[in-house]
Amino acid sequence: LAEDALQETFLQVWTAAQRYIVRGKCPVTWLLGITKNVAR
């Protein structure tokens, strides 16, 4: 399931990248937020 989540996360990054808002923080928080939602 974690491998599925990995793949799904990056598919969502591909589709959600246009909505990413630059906040000056490390974007890993955004990326892991997507992962958390996918895992849920």
PDB file of all heavy atoms in Angstrom:
ATOM      1  N   LEU A   1       0.830  -1.208   0.000  1.00  0.00           N
ATOM      2  CA  LEU A   1       0.000   0.000   0.000  1.00  0.00           C
ATOM      3  C   LEU A   1       0.863   1.256   0.000  1.00  0.00           C
ATOM      4  O   LEU A   1       0.523   2.251  -0.643  1.00  0.00           O
ATOM      5  CB  LEU A   1      -0.936   0.020   1.203  1.00  0.00           C
ATOM      6  CG  LEU A   1      -2.174  -0.856   1.119  1.00  0.00           C
ATOM      7  CD1 LEU A   1      -2.947  -0.817   2.423  1.00  0.00           C
ATOM      8  CD2 LEU A   1      -3.063  -0.448  -0.036  1.00  0.00           C
ATOM      9  N   ALA A   2       1.993   1.201   0.703  1.00  0.00           N
ATOM     10  CA  ALA A   2       2.900   2.355   0.728  1.00  0.00           C
ATOM     11  C   ALA A   2       3.475   2.608  -0.665  1.00  0.00           C
ATOM     12  O   ALA A   2       3.635   3.758  -1.079  1.00  0.00           O
ATOM     13  CB  ALA A   2       4.019   2.142   1.741  1.00  0.00           C
ATOM     14  N   GLU A   3       3.768   1.541  -1.408  1.00  0.00           N
ATOM     15  CA  GLU A   3       4.251   1.705  -2.783  1.00  0.00           C
ATOM     16  C   GLU A   3       3.161   2.311  -3.662  1.00  0.00           C
ATOM     17  O   GLU A   3       3.431   3.173  -4.502  1.00  0.00           O
ATOM     18  CB  GLU A   3       4.724   0.363  -3.340  1.00  0.00           C
ATOM     19  CG  GLU A   3       6.032  -0.086  -2.721  1.00  0.00           C
ATOM     20  CD  GLU A   3       6.450  -1.496  -3.129  1.00  0.00           C
ATOM     21  OE1 GLU A   3       5.754  -2.137  -3.947  1.00  0.00           O
ATOM     22  OE2 GLU A   3       7.486  -1.950  -2.618  1.00  0.00           O
ATOM     23  N   ASP A   4       1.914   1.872  -3.449  1.00  0.00           N
ATOM     24  CA  ASP A   4       0.796   2.469  -4.184  1.00  0.00           C
ATOM     25  C   ASP A   4       0.664   3.953  -3.844  1.00  0.00           C
ATOM     26  O   ASP A   4       0.429   4.785  -4.725  1.00  0.00           O
ATOM     27  CB  ASP A   4      -0.521   1.752  -3.845  1.00  0.00           C
ATOM     28  CG  ASP A   4      -0.593   0.337  -4.397  1.00  0.00           C
ATOM     29  OD1 ASP A   4       0.248  -0.018  -5.263  1.00  0.00           O
ATOM     30  OD2 ASP A   4      -1.472  -0.424  -3.948  1.00  0.00           O
ATOM     31  N   ALA A   5       0.817   4.268  -2.564  1.00  0.00           N
ATOM     32  CA  ALA A   5       0.723   5.664  -2.121  1.00  0.00           C
ATOM     33  C   ALA A   5       1.832   6.509  -2.740  1.00  0.00           C
ATOM     34  O   ALA A   5       1.603   7.656  -3.135  1.00  0.00           O
ATOM     35  CB  ALA A   5       0.776   5.753  -0.596  1.00  0.00           C
ATOM     36  N   LEU A   6       3.024   5.944  -2.836  1.00  0.00           N
ATOM     37  CA  LEU A   6       4.149   6.642  -3.462  1.00  0.00           C
ATOM     38  C   LEU A   6       3.796   7.028  -4.898  1.00  0.00           C
ATOM     39  O   LEU A   6       3.942   8.183  -5.301  1.00  0.00           O
ATOM     40  CB  LEU A   6       5.396   5.750  -3.432  1.00  0.00           C
ATOM     41  CG  LEU A   6       6.604   6.216  -4.230  1.00  0.00           C
ATOM     42  CD1 LEU A   6       7.191   7.493  -3.629  1.00  0.00           C
ATOM     43  CD2 LEU A   6       7.659   5.108  -4.275  1.00  0.00           C
ATOM     44  N   GLN A   7       3.316   6.059  -5.664  1.00  0.00           N
ATOM     45  CA  GLN A   7       2.981   6.320  -7.064  1.00  0.00           C
ATOM     46  C   GLN A   7       1.825   7.321  -7.185  1.00  0.00           C
ATOM     47  O   GLN A   7       1.873   8.253  -7.987  1.00  0.00           O
ATOM     48  CB  GLN A   7       2.634   5.010  -7.783  1.00  0.00           C
ATOM     49  CG  GLN A   7       3.763   4.013  -7.817  1.00  0.00           C
ATOM     50  CD  GLN A   7       5.052   4.568  -8.387  1.00  0.00           C
ATOM     51  OE1 GLN A   7       5.039   5.262  -9.397  1.00  0.00           O
ATOM     52  NE2 GLN A   7       6.170   4.285  -7.734  1.00  0.00           N
ATOM     53  N   GLU A   8       0.799   7.116  -6.375  1.00  0.00           N
ATOM     54  CA  GLU A   8      -0.363   8.008  -6.434  1.00  0.00           C
ATOM     55  C   GLU A   8      -0.001   9.430  -6.024  1.00  0.00           C
ATOM     56  O   GLU A   8      -0.498  10.400  -6.603  1.00  0.00           O
ATOM     57  CB  GLU A   8      -1.482   7.464  -5.533  1.00  0.00           C
ATOM     58  CG  GLU A   8      -2.748   8.297  -5.550  1.00  0.00           C
ATOM     59  CD  GLU A   8      -3.418   8.393  -6.911  1.00  0.00           C
ATOM     60  OE1 GLU A   8      -3.281   7.466  -7.731  1.00  0.00           O
ATOM     61  OE2 GLU A   8      -4.077   9.428  -7.162  1.00  0.00           O
ATOM     62  N   THR A   9       0.894   9.562  -5.063  1.00  0.00           N
ATOM     63  CA  THR A   9       1.330  10.893  -4.620  1.00  0.00           C
ATOM     64  C   THR A   9       1.941  11.659  -5.786  1.00  0.00           C
ATOM     65  O   THR A   9       1.598  12.824  -6.029  1.00  0.00           O
ATOM     66  CB  THR A   9       2.339  10.789  -3.461  1.00  0.00           C
ATOM     67  OG1 THR A   9       1.672  10.225  -2.323  1.00  0.00           O
ATOM     68  CG2 THR A   9       2.910  12.150  -3.100  1.00  0.00           C
ATOM     69  N   PHE A  10       2.837  11.016  -6.519  1.00  0.00           N
ATOM     70  CA  PHE A  10       3.495  11.730  -7.605  1.00  0.00           C
ATOM     71  C   PHE A  10       2.574  11.936  -8.803  1.00  0.00           C
ATOM     72  O   PHE A  10       2.742  12.903  -9.554  1.00  0.00           O
ATOM     73  CB  PHE A  10       4.823  11.060  -7.974  1.00  0.00           C
ATOM     74  CG  PHE A  10       5.890  11.417  -6.975  1.00  0.00           C
ATOM     75  CD1 PHE A  10       6.161  10.600  -5.893  1.00  0.00           C
ATOM     76  CD2 PHE A  10       6.570  12.627  -7.074  1.00  0.00           C
ATOM     77  CE1 PHE A  10       7.112  10.957  -4.949  1.00  0.00           C
ATOM     78  CE2 PHE A  10       7.518  12.997  -6.139  1.00  0.00           C
ATOM     79  CZ  PHE A  10       7.792  12.162  -5.070  1.00  0.00           C
ATOM     80  N   LEU A  11       1.571  11.087  -8.970  1.00  0.00           N
ATOM     81  CA  LEU A  11       0.551  11.370  -9.982  1.00  0.00           C
ATOM     82  C   LEU A  11      -0.227  12.630  -9.599  1.00  0.00           C
ATOM     83  O   LEU A  11      -0.523  13.472 -10.442  1.00  0.00           O
ATOM     84  CB  LEU A  11      -0.410  10.185 -10.125  1.00  0.00           C
ATOM     85  CG  LEU A  11       0.113   8.978 -10.878  1.00  0.00           C
ATOM     86  CD1 LEU A  11      -0.873   7.816 -10.777  1.00  0.00           C
ATOM     87  CD2 LEU A  11       0.386   9.324 -12.334  1.00  0.00           C
ATOM     88  N   GLN A  12      -0.528  12.750  -8.323  1.00  0.00           N
ATOM     89  CA  GLN A  12      -1.245  13.938  -7.864  1.00  0.00           C
ATOM     90  C   GLN A  12      -0.368  15.186  -7.927  1.00  0.00           C
ATOM     91  O   GLN A  12      -0.875  16.279  -8.180  1.00  0.00           O
ATOM     92  CB  GLN A  12      -1.801  13.718  -6.464  1.00  0.00           C
ATOM     93  CG  GLN A  12      -2.972  12.766  -6.471  1.00  0.00           C
ATOM     94  CD  GLN A  12      -3.737  12.766  -5.173  1.00  0.00           C
ATOM     95  OE1 GLN A  12      -3.649  13.680  -4.366  1.00  0.00           O
ATOM     96  NE2 GLN A  12      -4.507  11.711  -4.960  1.00  0.00           N
ATOM     97  N   VAL A  13       0.930  15.023  -7.672  1.00  0.00           N
ATOM     98  CA  VAL A  13       1.848  16.165  -7.824  1.00  0.00           C
ATOM     99  C   VAL A  13       1.784  16.662  -9.257  1.00  0.00           C
ATOM    100  O   VAL A  13       1.738  17.867  -9.509  1.00  0.00           O
ATOM    101  CB  VAL A  13       3.296  15.780  -7.430  1.00  0.00           C
ATOM    102  CG1 VAL A  13       4.291  16.814  -7.916  1.00  0.00           C
ATOM    103  CG2 VAL A  13       3.402  15.599  -5.923  1.00  0.00           C
ATOM    104  N   TRP A  14       1.784  15.745 -10.209  1.00  0.00           N
ATOM    105  CA  TRP A  14       1.719  16.099 -11.628  1.00  0.00           C
ATOM    106  C   TRP A  14       0.472  16.924 -11.930  1.00  0.00           C
ATOM    107  O   TRP A  14       0.537  17.923 -12.642  1.00  0.00           O
ATOM    108  CB  TRP A  14       1.759  14.835 -12.479  1.00  0.00           C
ATOM    109  CG  TRP A  14       1.675  15.095 -13.947  1.00  0.00           C
ATOM    110  CD1 TRP A  14       0.586  14.915 -14.758  1.00  0.00           C
ATOM    111  CD2 TRP A  14       2.716  15.594 -14.804  1.00  0.00           C
ATOM    112  NE1 TRP A  14       0.880  15.267 -16.044  1.00  0.00           N
ATOM    113  CE2 TRP A  14       2.190  15.687 -16.099  1.00  0.00           C
ATOM    114  CE3 TRP A  14       4.029  15.970 -14.593  1.00  0.00           C
ATOM    115  CZ2 TRP A  14       2.933  16.140 -17.182  1.00  0.00           C
ATOM    116  CZ3 TRP A  14       4.777  16.412 -15.659  1.00  0.00           C
ATOM    117  CH2 TRP A  14       4.221  16.496 -16.939  1.00  0.00           C
ATOM    118  N   THR A  15      -0.657  16.515 -11.355  1.00  0.00           N
ATOM    119  CA  THR A  15      -1.906  17.227 -11.661  1.00  0.00           C
ATOM    120  C   THR A  15      -2.121  18.467 -10.779  1.00  0.00           C
ATOM    121  O   THR A  15      -2.836  19.383 -11.176  1.00  0.00           O
ATOM    122  CB  THR A  15      -3.131  16.294 -11.504  1.00  0.00           C
ATOM    123  OG1 THR A  15      -3.181  15.785 -10.171  1.00  0.00           O
ATOM    124  CG2 THR A  15      -3.060  15.140 -12.489  1.00  0.00           C
ATOM    125  N   ALA A  16      -1.495  18.513  -9.592  1.00  0.00           N
ATOM    126  CA  ALA A  16      -1.734  19.627  -8.663  1.00  0.00           C
ATOM    127  C   ALA A  16      -0.638  20.684  -8.690  1.00  0.00           C
ATOM    128  O   ALA A  16      -0.762  21.701  -8.015  1.00  0.00           O
ATOM    129  CB  ALA A  16      -1.882  19.085  -7.242  1.00  0.00           C
ATOM    130  N   ALA A  17       0.412  20.475  -9.437  1.00  0.00           N
ATOM    131  CA  ALA A  17       1.552  21.404  -9.421  1.00  0.00           C
ATOM    132  C   ALA A  17       1.144  22.822  -9.795  1.00  0.00           C
ATOM    133  O   ALA A  17       1.712  23.784  -9.270  1.00  0.00           O
ATOM    134  CB  ALA A  17       2.654  20.902 -10.353  1.00  0.00           C
ATOM    135  N   GLN A  18       0.155  22.964 -10.662  1.00  0.00           N
ATOM    136  CA  GLN A  18      -0.285  24.306 -11.065  1.00  0.00           C
ATOM    137  C   GLN A  18      -0.923  25.071  -9.915  1.00  0.00           C
ATOM    138  O   GLN A  18      -0.962  26.290  -9.919  1.00  0.00           O
ATOM    139  CB  GLN A  18      -1.273  24.213 -12.227  1.00  0.00           C
ATOM    140  CG  GLN A  18      -0.626  23.713 -13.492  1.00  0.00           C
ATOM    141  CD  GLN A  18      -1.626  23.549 -14.622  1.00  0.00           C
ATOM    142  OE1 GLN A  18      -2.811  23.371 -14.395  1.00  0.00           O
ATOM    143  NE2 GLN A  18      -1.130  23.618 -15.844  1.00  0.00           N
ATOM    144  N   ARG A  19      -1.422  24.342  -8.913  1.00  0.00           N
ATOM    145  CA  ARG A  19      -2.090  24.987  -7.775  1.00  0.00           C
ATOM    146  C   ARG A  19      -1.142  25.219  -6.598  1.00  0.00           C
ATOM    147  O   ARG A  19      -1.563  25.760  -5.573  1.00  0.00           O
ATOM    148  CB  ARG A  19      -3.277  24.140  -7.330  1.00  0.00           C
ATOM    149  CG  ARG A  19      -4.379  24.061  -8.381  1.00  0.00           C
ATOM    150  CD  ARG A  19      -5.604  23.333  -7.872  1.00  0.00           C
ATOM    151  NE  ARG A  19      -5.348  22.002  -7.353  1.00  0.00           N
ATOM    152  CZ  ARG A  19      -5.366  20.884  -8.074  1.00  0.00           C
ATOM    153  NH1 ARG A  19      -5.610  20.933  -9.361  1.00  0.00           N
ATOM    154  NH2 ARG A  19      -5.127  19.716  -7.510  1.00  0.00           N
ATOM    155  N   TYR A  20       0.120  24.811  -6.735  1.00  0.00           N
ATOM    156  CA  TYR A  20       1.086  24.996  -5.654  1.00  0.00           C
ATOM    157  C   TYR A  20       1.349  26.483  -5.458  1.00  0.00           C
ATOM    158  O   TYR A  20       1.562  27.222  -6.409  1.00  0.00           O
ATOM    159  CB  TYR A  20       2.402  24.268  -5.962  1.00  0.00           C
ATOM    160  CG  TYR A  20       3.451  24.490  -4.903  1.00  0.00           C
ATOM    161  CD1 TYR A  20       3.364  23.824  -3.690  1.00  0.00           C
ATOM    162  CD2 TYR A  20       4.497  25.385  -5.097  1.00  0.00           C
ATOM    163  CE1 TYR A  20       4.315  24.031  -2.701  1.00  0.00           C
ATOM    164  CE2 TYR A  20       5.446  25.593  -4.107  1.00  0.00           C
ATOM    165  CZ  TYR A  20       5.350  24.916  -2.916  1.00  0.00           C
ATOM    166  OH  TYR A  20       6.280  25.123  -1.937  1.00  0.00           O
ATOM    167  N   ILE A  21       1.342  26.919  -4.191  1.00  0.00           N
ATOM    168  CA  ILE A  21       1.581  28.317  -3.864  1.00  0.00           C
ATOM    169  C   ILE A  21       2.939  28.425  -3.175  1.00  0.00           C
ATOM    170  O   ILE A  21       3.181  27.764  -2.165  1.00  0.00           O
ATOM    171  CB  ILE A  21       0.474  28.864  -2.935  1.00  0.00           C
ATOM    172  CG1 ILE A  21      -0.879  28.778  -3.637  1.00  0.00           C
ATOM    173  CG2 ILE A  21       0.788  30.289  -2.512  1.00  0.00           C
ATOM    174  CD1 ILE A  21      -2.061  29.047  -2.722  1.00  0.00           C
ATOM    175  N   VAL A  22       3.808  29.262  -3.702  1.00  0.00           N
ATOM    176  CA  VAL A  22       5.141  29.476  -3.129  1.00  0.00           C
ATOM    177  C   VAL A  22       4.987  30.210  -1.810  1.00  0.00           C
ATOM    178  O   VAL A  22       4.381  31.271  -1.755  1.00  0.00           O
ATOM    179  CB  VAL A  22       6.036  30.281  -4.100  1.00  0.00           C
ATOM    180  CG1 VAL A  22       7.375  30.575  -3.461  1.00  0.00           C
ATOM    181  CG2 VAL A  22       6.213  29.540  -5.406  1.00  0.00           C
ATOM    182  N   ARG A  23       5.533  29.613  -0.752  1.00  0.00           N
ATOM    183  CA  ARG A  23       5.413  30.233   0.571  1.00  0.00           C
ATOM    184  C   ARG A  23       6.767  30.479   1.217  1.00  0.00           C
ATOM    185  O   ARG A  23       6.837  30.911   2.341  1.00  0.00           O
ATOM    186  CB  ARG A  23       4.585  29.331   1.477  1.00  0.00           C
ATOM    187  CG  ARG A  23       3.152  29.220   1.012  1.00  0.00           C
ATOM    188  CD  ARG A  23       2.293  28.563   2.057  1.00  0.00           C
ATOM    189  NE  ARG A  23       0.924  28.564   1.586  1.00  0.00           N
ATOM    190  CZ  ARG A  23       0.202  27.486   1.394  1.00  0.00           C
ATOM    191  NH1 ARG A  23       0.698  26.311   1.656  1.00  0.00           N
ATOM    192  NH2 ARG A  23      -1.028  27.572   0.955  1.00  0.00           N
ATOM    193  N   GLY A  24       7.841  30.123   0.527  1.00  0.00           N
ATOM    194  CA  GLY A  24       9.167  30.345   1.072  1.00  0.00           C
ATOM    195  C   GLY A  24       9.639  29.248   2.009  1.00  0.00           C
ATOM    196  O   GLY A  24      10.730  29.300   2.538  1.00  0.00           O
ATOM    197  N   LYS A  25       8.798  28.237   2.243  1.00  0.00           N
ATOM    198  CA  LYS A  25       9.181  27.104   3.069  1.00  0.00           C
ATOM    199  C   LYS A  25       9.543  25.948   2.150  1.00  0.00           C
ATOM    200  O   LYS A  25       9.234  25.949   0.972  1.00  0.00           O
ATOM    201  CB  LYS A  25       8.019  26.660   3.964  1.00  0.00           C
ATOM    202  CG  LYS A  25       7.716  27.604   5.095  1.00  0.00           C
ATOM    203  CD  LYS A  25       6.655  27.002   5.978  1.00  0.00           C
ATOM    204  CE  LYS A  25       6.383  27.861   7.179  1.00  0.00           C
ATOM    205  NZ  LYS A  25       5.370  27.277   8.039  1.00  0.00           N
ATOM    206  N   CYS A  26      10.160  24.940   2.707  1.00  0.00           N
ATOM    207  CA  CYS A  26      10.511  23.746   1.947  1.00  0.00           C
ATOM    208  C   CYS A  26       9.228  23.066   1.469  1.00  0.00           C
ATOM    209  O   CYS A  26       8.341  22.780   2.271  1.00  0.00           O
ATOM    210  CB  CYS A  26      11.340  22.809   2.808  1.00  0.00           C
ATOM    211  SG  CYS A  26      11.928  21.379   1.915  1.00  0.00           S
ATOM    212  N   PRO A  27       9.094  22.806   0.187  1.00  0.00           N
ATOM    213  CA  PRO A  27       7.869  22.214  -0.361  1.00  0.00           C
ATOM    214  C   PRO A  27       7.618  20.764   0.056  1.00  0.00           C
ATOM    215  O   PRO A  27       6.601  20.200  -0.287  1.00  0.00           O
ATOM    216  CB  PRO A  27       8.074  22.285  -1.872  1.00  0.00           C
ATOM    217  CG  PRO A  27       9.252  23.115  -2.107  1.00  0.00           C
ATOM    218  CD  PRO A  27      10.027  23.196  -0.847  1.00  0.00           C
ATOM    219  N   VAL A  28       8.540  20.186   0.818  1.00  0.00           N
ATOM    220  CA  VAL A  28       8.328  18.810   1.256  1.00  0.00           C
ATOM    221  C   VAL A  28       7.066  18.708   2.117  1.00  0.00           C
ATOM    222  O   VAL A  28       6.396  17.684   2.111  1.00  0.00           O
ATOM    223  CB  VAL A  28       9.576  18.244   1.987  1.00  0.00           C
ATOM    224  CG1 VAL A  28       9.775  18.871   3.342  1.00  0.00           C
ATOM    225  CG2 VAL A  28       9.504  16.738   2.099  1.00  0.00           C
ATOM    226  N   THR A  29       6.708  19.773   2.809  1.00  0.00           N
ATOM    227  CA  THR A  29       5.493  19.770   3.610  1.00  0.00           C
ATOM    228  C   THR A  29       4.267  19.598   2.714  1.00  0.00           C
ATOM    229  O   THR A  29       3.357  18.829   3.036  1.00  0.00           O
ATOM    230  CB  THR A  29       5.386  21.087   4.413  1.00  0.00           C
ATOM    231  OG1 THR A  29       6.580  21.246   5.172  1.00  0.00           O
ATOM    232  CG2 THR A  29       4.194  21.080   5.331  1.00  0.00           C
ATOM    233  N   TRP A  30       4.250  20.296   1.591  1.00  0.00           N
ATOM    234  CA  TRP A  30       3.156  20.164   0.616  1.00  0.00           C
ATOM    235  C   TRP A  30       3.120  18.740   0.069  1.00  0.00           C
ATOM    236  O   TRP A  30       2.060  18.112  -0.001  1.00  0.00           O
ATOM    237  CB  TRP A  30       3.356  21.183  -0.511  1.00  0.00           C
ATOM    238  CG  TRP A  30       2.389  21.086  -1.650  1.00  0.00           C
ATOM    239  CD1 TRP A  30       1.076  21.471  -1.651  1.00  0.00           C
ATOM    240  CD2 TRP A  30       2.652  20.596  -2.965  1.00  0.00           C
ATOM    241  NE1 TRP A  30       0.514  21.245  -2.887  1.00  0.00           N
ATOM    242  CE2 TRP A  30       1.471  20.707  -3.718  1.00  0.00           C
ATOM    243  CE3 TRP A  30       3.786  20.079  -3.583  1.00  0.00           C
ATOM    244  CZ2 TRP A  30       1.380  20.319  -5.041  1.00  0.00           C
ATOM    245  CZ3 TRP A  30       3.700  19.701  -4.905  1.00  0.00           C
ATOM    246  CH2 TRP A  30       2.507  19.813  -5.632  1.00  0.00           C
ATOM    247  N   LEU A  31       4.268  18.221  -0.280  1.00  0.00           N
ATOM    248  CA  LEU A  31       4.385  16.883  -0.857  1.00  0.00           C
ATOM    249  C   LEU A  31       3.907  15.822   0.135  1.00  0.00           C
ATOM    250  O   LEU A  31       3.134  14.924  -0.223  1.00  0.00           O
ATOM    251  CB  LEU A  31       5.840  16.628  -1.258  1.00  0.00           C
ATOM    252  CG  LEU A  31       6.169  15.315  -1.927  1.00  0.00           C
ATOM    253  CD1 LEU A  31       5.428  15.177  -3.252  1.00  0.00           C
ATOM    254  CD2 LEU A  31       7.669  15.226  -2.169  1.00  0.00           C
ATOM    255  N   LEU A  32       4.325  15.940   1.381  1.00  0.00           N
ATOM    256  CA  LEU A  32       3.911  14.953   2.384  1.00  0.00           C
ATOM    257  C   LEU A  32       2.460  15.150   2.805  1.00  0.00           C
ATOM    258  O   LEU A  32       1.815  14.207   3.257  1.00  0.00           O
ATOM    259  CB  LEU A  32       4.866  14.966   3.568  1.00  0.00           C
ATOM    260  CG  LEU A  32       6.282  14.475   3.223  1.00  0.00           C
ATOM    261  CD1 LEU A  32       7.205  14.585   4.429  1.00  0.00           C
ATOM    262  CD2 LEU A  32       6.287  13.062   2.673  1.00  0.00           C
ATOM    263  N   GLY A  33       1.932  16.346   2.614  1.00  0.00           N
ATOM    264  CA  GLY A  33       0.498  16.562   2.838  1.00  0.00           C
ATOM    265  C   GLY A  33      -0.317  15.784   1.813  1.00  0.00           C
ATOM    266  O   GLY A  33      -1.341  15.171   2.145  1.00  0.00           O
ATOM    267  N   ILE A  34       0.147  15.794   0.576  1.00  0.00           N
ATOM    268  CA  ILE A  34      -0.509  14.990  -0.466  1.00  0.00           C
ATOM    269  C   ILE A  34      -0.418  13.515  -0.090  1.00  0.00           C
ATOM    270  O   ILE A  34      -1.393  12.770  -0.179  1.00  0.00           O
ATOM    271  CB  ILE A  34       0.135  15.249  -1.850  1.00  0.00           C
ATOM    272  CG1 ILE A  34      -0.161  16.672  -2.317  1.00  0.00           C
ATOM    273  CG2 ILE A  34      -0.374  14.231  -2.882  1.00  0.00           C
ATOM    274  CD1 ILE A  34       0.581  17.080  -3.582  1.00  0.00           C
ATOM    275  N   THR A  35       0.767  13.094   0.357  1.00  0.00           N
ATOM    276  CA  THR A  35       0.973  11.696   0.749  1.00  0.00           C
ATOM    277  C   THR A  35       0.019  11.303   1.868  1.00  0.00           C
ATOM    278  O   THR A  35      -0.565  10.210   1.845  1.00  0.00           O
ATOM    279  CB  THR A  35       2.429  11.476   1.206  1.00  0.00           C
ATOM    280  OG1 THR A  35       3.312  11.941   0.195  1.00  0.00           O
ATOM    281  CG2 THR A  35       2.700  10.015   1.492  1.00  0.00           C
ATOM    282  N   LYS A  36      -0.148  12.181   2.830  1.00  0.00           N
ATOM    283  CA  LYS A  36      -1.037  11.895   3.965  1.00  0.00           C
ATOM    284  C   LYS A  36      -2.470  11.680   3.481  1.00  0.00           C
ATOM    285  O   LYS A  36      -3.151  10.754   3.916  1.00  0.00           O
ATOM    286  CB  LYS A  36      -0.977  13.051   4.966  1.00  0.00           C
ATOM    287  CG  LYS A  36      -1.718  12.808   6.243  1.00  0.00           C
ATOM    288  CD  LYS A  36      -1.479  13.949   7.211  1.00  0.00           C
ATOM    289  CE  LYS A  36      -2.083  13.657   8.562  1.00  0.00           C
ATOM    290  NZ  LYS A  36      -1.753  14.695   9.542  1.00  0.00           N
ATOM    291  N   ASN A  37      -2.930  12.529   2.566  1.00  0.00           N
ATOM    292  CA  ASN A  37      -4.287  12.385   2.028  1.00  0.00           C
ATOM    293  C   ASN A  37      -4.433  11.109   1.209  1.00  0.00           C
ATOM    294  O   ASN A  37      -5.455  10.421   1.292  1.00  0.00           O
ATOM    295  CB  ASN A  37      -4.662  13.606   1.194  1.00  0.00           C
ATOM    296  CG  ASN A  37      -4.826  14.843   2.046  1.00  0.00           C
ATOM    297  OD1 ASN A  37      -5.163  14.767   3.217  1.00  0.00           O
ATOM    298  ND2 ASN A  37      -4.565  15.997   1.465  1.00  0.00           N
ATOM    299  N   VAL A  38      -3.420  10.791   0.414  1.00  0.00           N
ATOM    300  CA  VAL A  38      -3.446   9.558  -0.386  1.00  0.00           C
ATOM    301  C   VAL A  38      -3.489   8.348   0.538  1.00  0.00           C
ATOM    302  O   VAL A  38      -4.274   7.419   0.331  1.00  0.00           O
ATOM    303  CB  VAL A  38      -2.225   9.488  -1.333  1.00  0.00           C
ATOM    304  CG1 VAL A  38      -2.058   8.103  -1.921  1.00  0.00           C
ATOM    305  CG2 VAL A  38      -2.347  10.522  -2.446  1.00  0.00           C
ATOM    306  N   ALA A  39      -2.651   8.353   1.575  1.00  0.00           N
ATOM    307  CA  ALA A  39      -2.609   7.232   2.523  1.00  0.00           C
ATOM    308  C   ALA A  39      -3.959   7.064   3.220  1.00  0.00           C
ATOM    309  O   ALA A  39      -4.439   5.938   3.406  1.00  0.00           O
ATOM    310  CB  ALA A  39      -1.500   7.449   3.544  1.00  0.00           C
ATOM    311  N   ARG A  40      -4.562   8.164   3.595  1.00  0.00           N
ATOM    312  CA  ARG A  40      -5.873   8.109   4.254  1.00  0.00           C
ATOM    313  C   ARG A  40      -6.909   7.459   3.325  1.00  0.00           C
ATOM    314  O   ARG A  40      -7.686   6.600   3.750  1.00  0.00           O
ATOM    315  CB  ARG A  40      -6.311   9.529   4.637  1.00  0.00           C
ATOM    316  CG  ARG A  40      -7.507   9.571   5.548  1.00  0.00           C
ATOM    317  CD  ARG A  40      -7.863  10.987   5.979  1.00  0.00           C
ATOM    318  NE  ARG A  40      -6.754  11.588   6.707  1.00  0.00           N
ATOM    319  CZ  ARG A  40      -6.348  12.841   6.544  1.00  0.00           C
ATOM    320  NH1 ARG A  40      -6.945  13.625   5.679  1.00  0.00           N
ATOM    321  NH2 ARG A  40      -5.347  13.322   7.242  1.00  0.00           N
TER     322      ARG A  40
END
